[in-house]
Amino acid sequence: MPDYLLHFDRHLFHFINHELGNPLFDLVMPYLRNAKFWIPLYLFIIVFCLWRFRKQGILIIILLALAAGFADFTSASIIKPLVKRERPCRDPVVSKTAIVRVSCGTGYSFPSTHATDHFAVAFFLILLFHKRWHWIWFWCILWAGTISFAQVYVGVHFPIDVICGAIYGILVGWMFYSLFWKLHIRWVKRGLISEENESDYK
């Protein structure tokens, strides 16, 4: 990484990790980055898709799960070991002053797998439903962005880690959205599903 970009990244991390510190964020941010906290939301998405779209909903859920799984695996098991960037809480320079509000965690820092996973899910949902529900993009980006911000705030990722993770997650979400439509067309041609409710996401 170029020196100017590295310095910018560290300064931005310090601003978020230190200057934005407050009791409310200290309480809330560790929860927001915890996957278990969002289980009710995941269950709602599953139930809503099955209720609203029936068989199409099964395909949506499968592709959504595959998008998250692919983003998670490639980010954590392929990209991170190749880049080998240390987390702020273990960085030789930053760790001396970083405020670490949760366990430092294992593995490397770049990219943020939290950002990759959640932006993959968010962008898949945006592409699928934005024509029907125009407001969904705002809430999906806010959701994934808040989780990504929390990763920097608690001290386990640099800003560039989450920015690049988000960009990669968006690409994964777009890729699996495209795959969804290819499979959807095949399922319709084979009579496995009907085109009922298709107008909701076409």
C-alpha atoms as a PDB file:
ATOM      1  CA  MET A   1       0.000   0.000   0.000  1.00  0.00           C
ATOM      2  CA  PRO A   2       1.380   3.480  -0.893  1.00  0.00           C
ATOM      3  CA  ASP A   3       2.586   5.464   2.126  1.00  0.00           C
ATOM      4  CA  TYR A   4       0.110   8.318   1.610  1.00  0.00           C
ATOM      5  CA  LEU A   5      -2.789   5.860   1.526  1.00  0.00           C
ATOM      6  CA  LEU A   6      -1.499   4.028   4.578  1.00  0.00           C
ATOM      7  CA  HIS A   7      -1.209   7.303   6.526  1.00  0.00           C
ATOM      8  CA  PHE A   8      -4.690   8.355   5.464  1.00  0.00           C
ATOM      9  CA  ASP A   9      -6.078   4.984   6.516  1.00  0.00           C
ATOM     10  CA  ARG A  10      -4.451   5.202   9.937  1.00  0.00           C
ATOM     11  CA  HIS A  11      -5.591   8.792  10.495  1.00  0.00           C
ATOM     12  CA  LEU A  12      -9.166   7.931   9.510  1.00  0.00           C
ATOM     13  CA  PHE A  13      -9.065   4.915  11.802  1.00  0.00           C
ATOM     14  CA  HIS A  14      -7.883   7.115  14.668  1.00  0.00           C
ATOM     15  CA  PHE A  15     -10.691   9.599  14.005  1.00  0.00           C
ATOM     16  CA  ILE A  16     -13.387   6.905  14.062  1.00  0.00           C
ATOM     17  CA  ASN A  17     -11.856   4.838  16.845  1.00  0.00           C
ATOM     18  CA  HIS A  18     -10.942   7.785  19.112  1.00  0.00           C
ATOM     19  CA  GLU A  19     -12.624  11.053  18.165  1.00  0.00           C
ATOM     20  CA  LEU A  20     -16.073   9.578  17.586  1.00  0.00           C
ATOM     21  CA  GLY A  21     -15.934   7.581  20.809  1.00  0.00           C
ATOM     22  CA  ASN A  22     -18.948   8.024  23.091  1.00  0.00           C
ATOM     23  CA  PRO A  23     -20.868   5.912  25.641  1.00  0.00           C
ATOM     24  CA  LEU A  24     -23.752   5.204  23.255  1.00  0.00           C
ATOM     25  CA  PHE A  25     -21.491   3.859  20.502  1.00  0.00           C
ATOM     26  CA  ASP A  26     -19.494   1.924  23.094  1.00  0.00           C
ATOM     27  CA  LEU A  27     -22.704   0.166  24.098  1.00  0.00           C
ATOM     28  CA  VAL A  28     -24.313  -0.320  20.692  1.00  0.00           C
ATOM     29  CA  MET A  29     -21.519  -0.979  18.190  1.00  0.00           C
ATOM     30  CA  PRO A  30     -20.312  -4.320  19.646  1.00  0.00           C
ATOM     31  CA  TYR A  31     -23.868  -5.634  19.287  1.00  0.00           C
ATOM     32  CA  LEU A  32     -24.346  -4.354  15.751  1.00  0.00           C
ATOM     33  CA  ARG A  33     -21.296  -6.242  14.495  1.00  0.00           C
ATOM     34  CA  ASN A  34     -22.415  -9.494  16.140  1.00  0.00           C
ATOM     35  CA  ALA A  35     -24.136 -11.833  13.670  1.00  0.00           C
ATOM     36  CA  LYS A  36     -26.332 -13.295  16.434  1.00  0.00           C
ATOM     37  CA  PHE A  37     -27.872  -9.870  17.001  1.00  0.00           C
ATOM     38  CA  TRP A  38     -29.295  -9.957  13.466  1.00  0.00           C
ATOM     39  CA  ILE A  39     -30.830 -13.452  13.630  1.00  0.00           C
ATOM     40  CA  PRO A  40     -34.385 -12.028  13.884  1.00  0.00           C
ATOM     41  CA  LEU A  41     -33.763 -10.045  10.676  1.00  0.00           C
ATOM     42  CA  TYR A  42     -32.439 -13.112   8.855  1.00  0.00           C
ATOM     43  CA  LEU A  43     -35.476 -15.130   9.965  1.00  0.00           C
ATOM     44  CA  PHE A  44     -37.781 -12.339   8.812  1.00  0.00           C
ATOM     45  CA  ILE A  45     -36.186 -12.321   5.350  1.00  0.00           C
ATOM     46  CA  ILE A  46     -36.582 -16.099   5.059  1.00  0.00           C
ATOM     47  CA  VAL A  47     -40.197 -16.110   6.236  1.00  0.00           C
ATOM     48  CA  PHE A  48     -41.119 -13.100   4.082  1.00  0.00           C
ATOM     49  CA  CYS A  49     -39.600 -14.602   0.920  1.00  0.00           C
ATOM     50  CA  LEU A  50     -41.355 -17.936   1.457  1.00  0.00           C
ATOM     51  CA  TRP A  51     -44.676 -16.263   2.262  1.00  0.00           C
ATOM     52  CA  ARG A  52     -44.561 -13.643  -0.510  1.00  0.00           C
ATOM     53  CA  PHE A  53     -42.913 -15.564  -3.331  1.00  0.00           C
ATOM     54  CA  ARG A  54     -43.552 -19.257  -2.549  1.00  0.00           C
ATOM     55  CA  LYS A  55     -41.287 -21.369  -4.775  1.00  0.00           C
ATOM     56  CA  GLN A  56     -39.503 -18.317  -6.103  1.00  0.00           C
ATOM     57  CA  GLY A  57     -38.775 -17.497  -2.487  1.00  0.00           C
ATOM     58  CA  ILE A  58     -36.894 -20.766  -2.104  1.00  0.00           C
ATOM     59  CA  LEU A  59     -34.653 -19.784  -5.012  1.00  0.00           C
ATOM     60  CA  ILE A  60     -34.128 -16.315  -3.533  1.00  0.00           C
ATOM     61  CA  ILE A  61     -33.123 -17.763  -0.162  1.00  0.00           C
ATOM     62  CA  ILE A  62     -30.766 -20.301  -1.741  1.00  0.00           C
ATOM     63  CA  LEU A  63     -28.985 -17.665  -3.838  1.00  0.00           C
ATOM     64  CA  LEU A  64     -28.887 -15.237  -0.925  1.00  0.00           C
ATOM     65  CA  ALA A  65     -27.253 -17.878   1.279  1.00  0.00           C
ATOM     66  CA  LEU A  66     -24.804 -18.806  -1.488  1.00  0.00           C
ATOM     67  CA  ALA A  67     -23.880 -15.142  -1.991  1.00  0.00           C
ATOM     68  CA  ALA A  68     -23.130 -14.720   1.715  1.00  0.00           C
ATOM     69  CA  GLY A  69     -21.248 -18.028   1.850  1.00  0.00           C
ATOM     70  CA  PHE A  70     -19.189 -17.282  -1.257  1.00  0.00           C
ATOM     71  CA  ALA A  71     -18.336 -13.787  -0.008  1.00  0.00           C
ATOM     72  CA  ASP A  72     -17.360 -15.151   3.386  1.00  0.00           C
ATOM     73  CA  PHE A  73     -15.197 -17.995   2.075  1.00  0.00           C
ATOM     74  CA  THR A  74     -13.336 -16.047  -0.586  1.00  0.00           C
ATOM     75  CA  SER A  75     -12.751 -13.094   1.720  1.00  0.00           C
ATOM     76  CA  ALA A  76     -11.628 -15.008   4.804  1.00  0.00           C
ATOM     77  CA  SER A  77      -9.945 -18.044   3.268  1.00  0.00           C
ATOM     78  CA  ILE A  78      -8.428 -16.717   0.033  1.00  0.00           C
ATOM     79  CA  ILE A  79      -7.938 -12.943  -0.001  1.00  0.00           C
ATOM     80  CA  LYS A  80      -6.927 -12.416   3.634  1.00  0.00           C
ATOM     81  CA  PRO A  81      -4.141 -15.067   3.611  1.00  0.00           C
ATOM     82  CA  LEU A  82      -2.809 -13.569   0.373  1.00  0.00           C
ATOM     83  CA  VAL A  83      -2.734  -9.961   1.596  1.00  0.00           C
ATOM     84  CA  LYS A  84      -1.779 -10.746   5.227  1.00  0.00           C
ATOM     85  CA  ARG A  85      -2.583  -7.322   6.623  1.00  0.00           C
ATOM     86  CA  GLU A  86      -2.587  -7.180  10.413  1.00  0.00           C
ATOM     87  CA  ARG A  87      -5.630  -5.898  12.271  1.00  0.00           C
ATOM     88  CA  PRO A  88      -5.358  -2.481  13.951  1.00  0.00           C
ATOM     89  CA  CYS A  89      -5.333  -4.221  17.318  1.00  0.00           C
ATOM     90  CA  ARG A  90      -2.161  -6.069  16.244  1.00  0.00           C
ATOM     91  CA  ASP A  91      -0.600  -3.481  13.941  1.00  0.00           C
ATOM     92  CA  PRO A  92       2.915  -2.555  15.210  1.00  0.00           C
ATOM     93  CA  VAL A  93       2.109   1.164  15.026  1.00  0.00           C
ATOM     94  CA  VAL A  94      -1.635   1.521  15.541  1.00  0.00           C
ATOM     95  CA  SER A  95      -2.043  -1.067  18.296  1.00  0.00           C
ATOM     96  CA  LYS A  96      -0.131   1.179  20.705  1.00  0.00           C
ATOM     97  CA  THR A  97      -2.972   3.701  20.767  1.00  0.00           C
ATOM     98  CA  ALA A  98      -5.980   1.783  19.358  1.00  0.00           C
ATOM     99  CA  ILE A  99      -9.026   1.468  21.583  1.00  0.00           C
ATOM    100  CA  VAL A 100     -10.052  -2.173  21.251  1.00  0.00           C
ATOM    101  CA  ARG A 101     -13.630  -2.550  22.419  1.00  0.00           C
ATOM    102  CA  VAL A 102     -14.030  -6.250  21.598  1.00  0.00           C
ATOM    103  CA  SER A 103     -11.768  -9.261  21.250  1.00  0.00           C
ATOM    104  CA  CYS A 104      -9.160  -8.647  18.574  1.00  0.00           C
ATOM    105  CA  GLY A 105     -10.145 -11.825  16.779  1.00  0.00           C
ATOM    106  CA  THR A 106      -8.130 -14.244  14.715  1.00  0.00           C
ATOM    107  CA  GLY A 107      -6.992 -13.958  11.142  1.00  0.00           C
ATOM    108  CA  TYR A 108      -5.999 -10.977   9.061  1.00  0.00           C
ATOM    109  CA  SER A 109      -7.676  -7.653   8.451  1.00  0.00           C
ATOM    110  CA  PHE A 110      -8.008  -7.094   4.684  1.00  0.00           C
ATOM    111  CA  PRO A 111     -10.710  -7.189   3.550  1.00  0.00           C
ATOM    112  CA  SER A 112     -13.332  -7.029   6.267  1.00  0.00           C
ATOM    113  CA  THR A 113     -15.360 -10.212   5.953  1.00  0.00           C
ATOM    114  CA  HIS A 114     -18.216  -8.568   7.855  1.00  0.00           C
ATOM    115  CA  ALA A 115     -18.354  -5.854   5.201  1.00  0.00           C
ATOM    116  CA  THR A 116     -18.047  -8.338   2.357  1.00  0.00           C
ATOM    117  CA  ASP A 117     -20.811 -10.641   3.631  1.00  0.00           C
ATOM    118  CA  HIS A 118     -23.322  -7.951   4.524  1.00  0.00           C
ATOM    119  CA  PHE A 119     -22.834  -5.863   1.402  1.00  0.00           C
ATOM    120  CA  ALA A 120     -23.218  -8.999  -0.718  1.00  0.00           C
ATOM    121  CA  VAL A 121     -26.579  -9.686   0.937  1.00  0.00           C
ATOM    122  CA  ALA A 122     -27.597  -6.017   0.865  1.00  0.00           C
ATOM    123  CA  PHE A 123     -26.789  -5.499  -2.811  1.00  0.00           C
ATOM    124  CA  PHE A 124     -28.480  -8.762  -3.825  1.00  0.00           C
ATOM    125  CA  LEU A 125     -31.676  -7.588  -2.105  1.00  0.00           C
ATOM    126  CA  ILE A 126     -31.381  -4.087  -3.582  1.00  0.00           C
ATOM    127  CA  LEU A 127     -31.040  -5.371  -7.134  1.00  0.00           C
ATOM    128  CA  LEU A 128     -33.890  -7.812  -6.639  1.00  0.00           C
ATOM    129  CA  PHE A 129     -36.464  -5.547  -5.030  1.00  0.00           C
ATOM    130  CA  HIS A 130     -35.587  -1.891  -5.678  1.00  0.00           C
ATOM    131  CA  LYS A 131     -38.061  -1.481  -8.547  1.00  0.00           C
ATOM    132  CA  ARG A 132     -40.921  -2.610  -6.337  1.00  0.00           C
ATOM    133  CA  TRP A 133     -39.800  -1.048  -3.058  1.00  0.00           C
ATOM    134  CA  HIS A 134     -37.695   1.998  -3.923  1.00  0.00           C
ATOM    135  CA  TRP A 135     -36.763   2.665  -0.316  1.00  0.00           C
ATOM    136  CA  ILE A 136     -34.993  -0.688   0.155  1.00  0.00           C
ATOM    137  CA  TRP A 137     -31.638   0.590  -1.097  1.00  0.00           C
ATOM    138  CA  PHE A 138     -31.435   3.154   1.720  1.00  0.00           C
ATOM    139  CA  TRP A 139     -32.111   0.650   4.520  1.00  0.00           C
ATOM    140  CA  CYS A 140     -29.882  -2.056   3.047  1.00  0.00           C
ATOM    141  CA  ILE A 141     -26.942   0.321   2.620  1.00  0.00           C
ATOM    142  CA  LEU A 142     -27.533   1.780   6.083  1.00  0.00           C
ATOM    143  CA  TRP A 143     -27.621  -1.725   7.585  1.00  0.00           C
ATOM    144  CA  ALA A 144     -24.463  -3.002   5.888  1.00  0.00           C
ATOM    145  CA  GLY A 145     -22.704   0.338   6.304  1.00  0.00           C
ATOM    146  CA  THR A 146     -23.430   0.526  10.022  1.00  0.00           C
ATOM    147  CA  ILE A 147     -22.028  -2.966  10.564  1.00  0.00           C
ATOM    148  CA  SER A 148     -18.930  -2.028   8.593  1.00  0.00           C
ATOM    149  CA  PHE A 149     -18.511   1.210  10.539  1.00  0.00           C
ATOM    150  CA  ALA A 150     -18.804  -0.761  13.784  1.00  0.00           C
ATOM    151  CA  GLN A 151     -15.847  -2.904  12.736  1.00  0.00           C
ATOM    152  CA  VAL A 152     -13.635   0.170  12.591  1.00  0.00           C
ATOM    153  CA  TYR A 153     -15.093   1.732  15.727  1.00  0.00           C
ATOM    154  CA  VAL A 154     -14.418  -1.318  17.910  1.00  0.00           C
ATOM    155  CA  GLY A 155     -10.833  -1.466  16.629  1.00  0.00           C
ATOM    156  CA  VAL A 156     -10.660  -4.680  14.582  1.00  0.00           C
ATOM    157  CA  HIS A 157     -10.496  -3.234  11.042  1.00  0.00           C
ATOM    158  CA  PHE A 158      -9.052  -0.261   9.202  1.00  0.00           C
ATOM    159  CA  PRO A 159     -11.388   1.900   7.072  1.00  0.00           C
ATOM    160  CA  ILE A 160      -9.834   0.666   3.817  1.00  0.00           C
ATOM    161  CA  ASP A 161     -10.523  -2.912   4.931  1.00  0.00           C
ATOM    162  CA  VAL A 162     -14.247  -2.254   5.148  1.00  0.00           C
ATOM    163  CA  ILE A 163     -14.390  -0.040   2.049  1.00  0.00           C
ATOM    164  CA  CYS A 164     -12.723  -2.689  -0.113  1.00  0.00           C
ATOM    165  CA  GLY A 165     -14.755  -5.401   1.587  1.00  0.00           C
ATOM    166  CA  ALA A 166     -17.936  -3.483   0.738  1.00  0.00           C
ATOM    167  CA  ILE A 167     -16.903  -3.075  -2.911  1.00  0.00           C
ATOM    168  CA  TYR A 168     -16.109  -6.771  -3.191  1.00  0.00           C
ATOM    169  CA  GLY A 169     -19.389  -7.636  -1.480  1.00  0.00           C
ATOM    170  CA  ILE A 170     -21.290  -5.498  -3.994  1.00  0.00           C
ATOM    171  CA  LEU A 171     -19.639  -7.409  -6.851  1.00  0.00           C
ATOM    172  CA  VAL A 172     -20.567 -10.728  -5.242  1.00  0.00           C
ATOM    173  CA  GLY A 173     -24.154  -9.553  -4.714  1.00  0.00           C
ATOM    174  CA  TRP A 174     -24.397  -8.521  -8.370  1.00  0.00           C
ATOM    175  CA  MET A 175     -22.921 -11.843  -9.514  1.00  0.00           C
ATOM    176  CA  PHE A 176     -25.429 -13.920  -7.565  1.00  0.00           C
ATOM    177  CA  TYR A 177     -28.291 -11.658  -8.616  1.00  0.00           C
ATOM    178  CA  SER A 178     -27.344 -12.404 -12.234  1.00  0.00           C
ATOM    179  CA  LEU A 179     -27.192 -16.109 -11.410  1.00  0.00           C
ATOM    180  CA  PHE A 180     -30.621 -15.864  -9.795  1.00  0.00           C
ATOM    181  CA  TRP A 181     -32.172 -14.658 -13.026  1.00  0.00           C
ATOM    182  CA  LYS A 182     -30.516 -17.357 -15.096  1.00  0.00           C
ATOM    183  CA  LEU A 183     -31.795 -20.055 -12.742  1.00  0.00           C
ATOM    184  CA  HIS A 184     -35.191 -18.382 -12.497  1.00  0.00           C
ATOM    185  CA  ILE A 185     -35.639 -18.509 -16.288  1.00  0.00           C
ATOM    186  CA  ARG A 186     -34.644 -22.189 -16.341  1.00  0.00           C
ATOM    187  CA  TRP A 187     -37.034 -23.055 -13.517  1.00  0.00           C
ATOM    188  CA  VAL A 188     -39.884 -21.252 -15.293  1.00  0.00           C
ATOM    189  CA  LYS A 189     -39.179 -23.062 -18.593  1.00  0.00           C
ATOM    190  CA  ARG A 190     -39.136 -26.420 -16.799  1.00  0.00           C
ATOM    191  CA  GLY A 191     -42.360 -25.635 -15.003  1.00  0.00           C
ATOM    192  CA  LEU A 192     -40.732 -25.817 -11.571  1.00  0.00           C
ATOM    193  CA  ILE A 193     -42.009 -22.348 -10.705  1.00  0.00           C
ATOM    194  CA  SER A 194     -44.541 -19.951 -12.214  1.00  0.00           C
ATOM    195  CA  GLU A 195     -44.067 -16.283 -13.052  1.00  0.00           C
ATOM    196  CA  GLU A 196     -46.461 -15.297 -10.269  1.00  0.00           C
ATOM    197  CA  ASN A 197     -45.217 -12.292  -8.270  1.00  0.00           C
ATOM    198  CA  GLU A 198     -42.365 -11.779 -10.717  1.00  0.00           C
ATOM    199  CA  SER A 199     -43.419  -8.166 -11.183  1.00  0.00           C
ATOM    200  CA  ASP A 200     -42.255  -7.523  -7.597  1.00  0.00           C
ATOM    201  CA  TYR A 201     -38.628  -7.866  -8.626  1.00  0.00           C
ATOM    202  CA  LYS A 202     -38.540  -7.422 -12.393  1.00  0.00           C
END
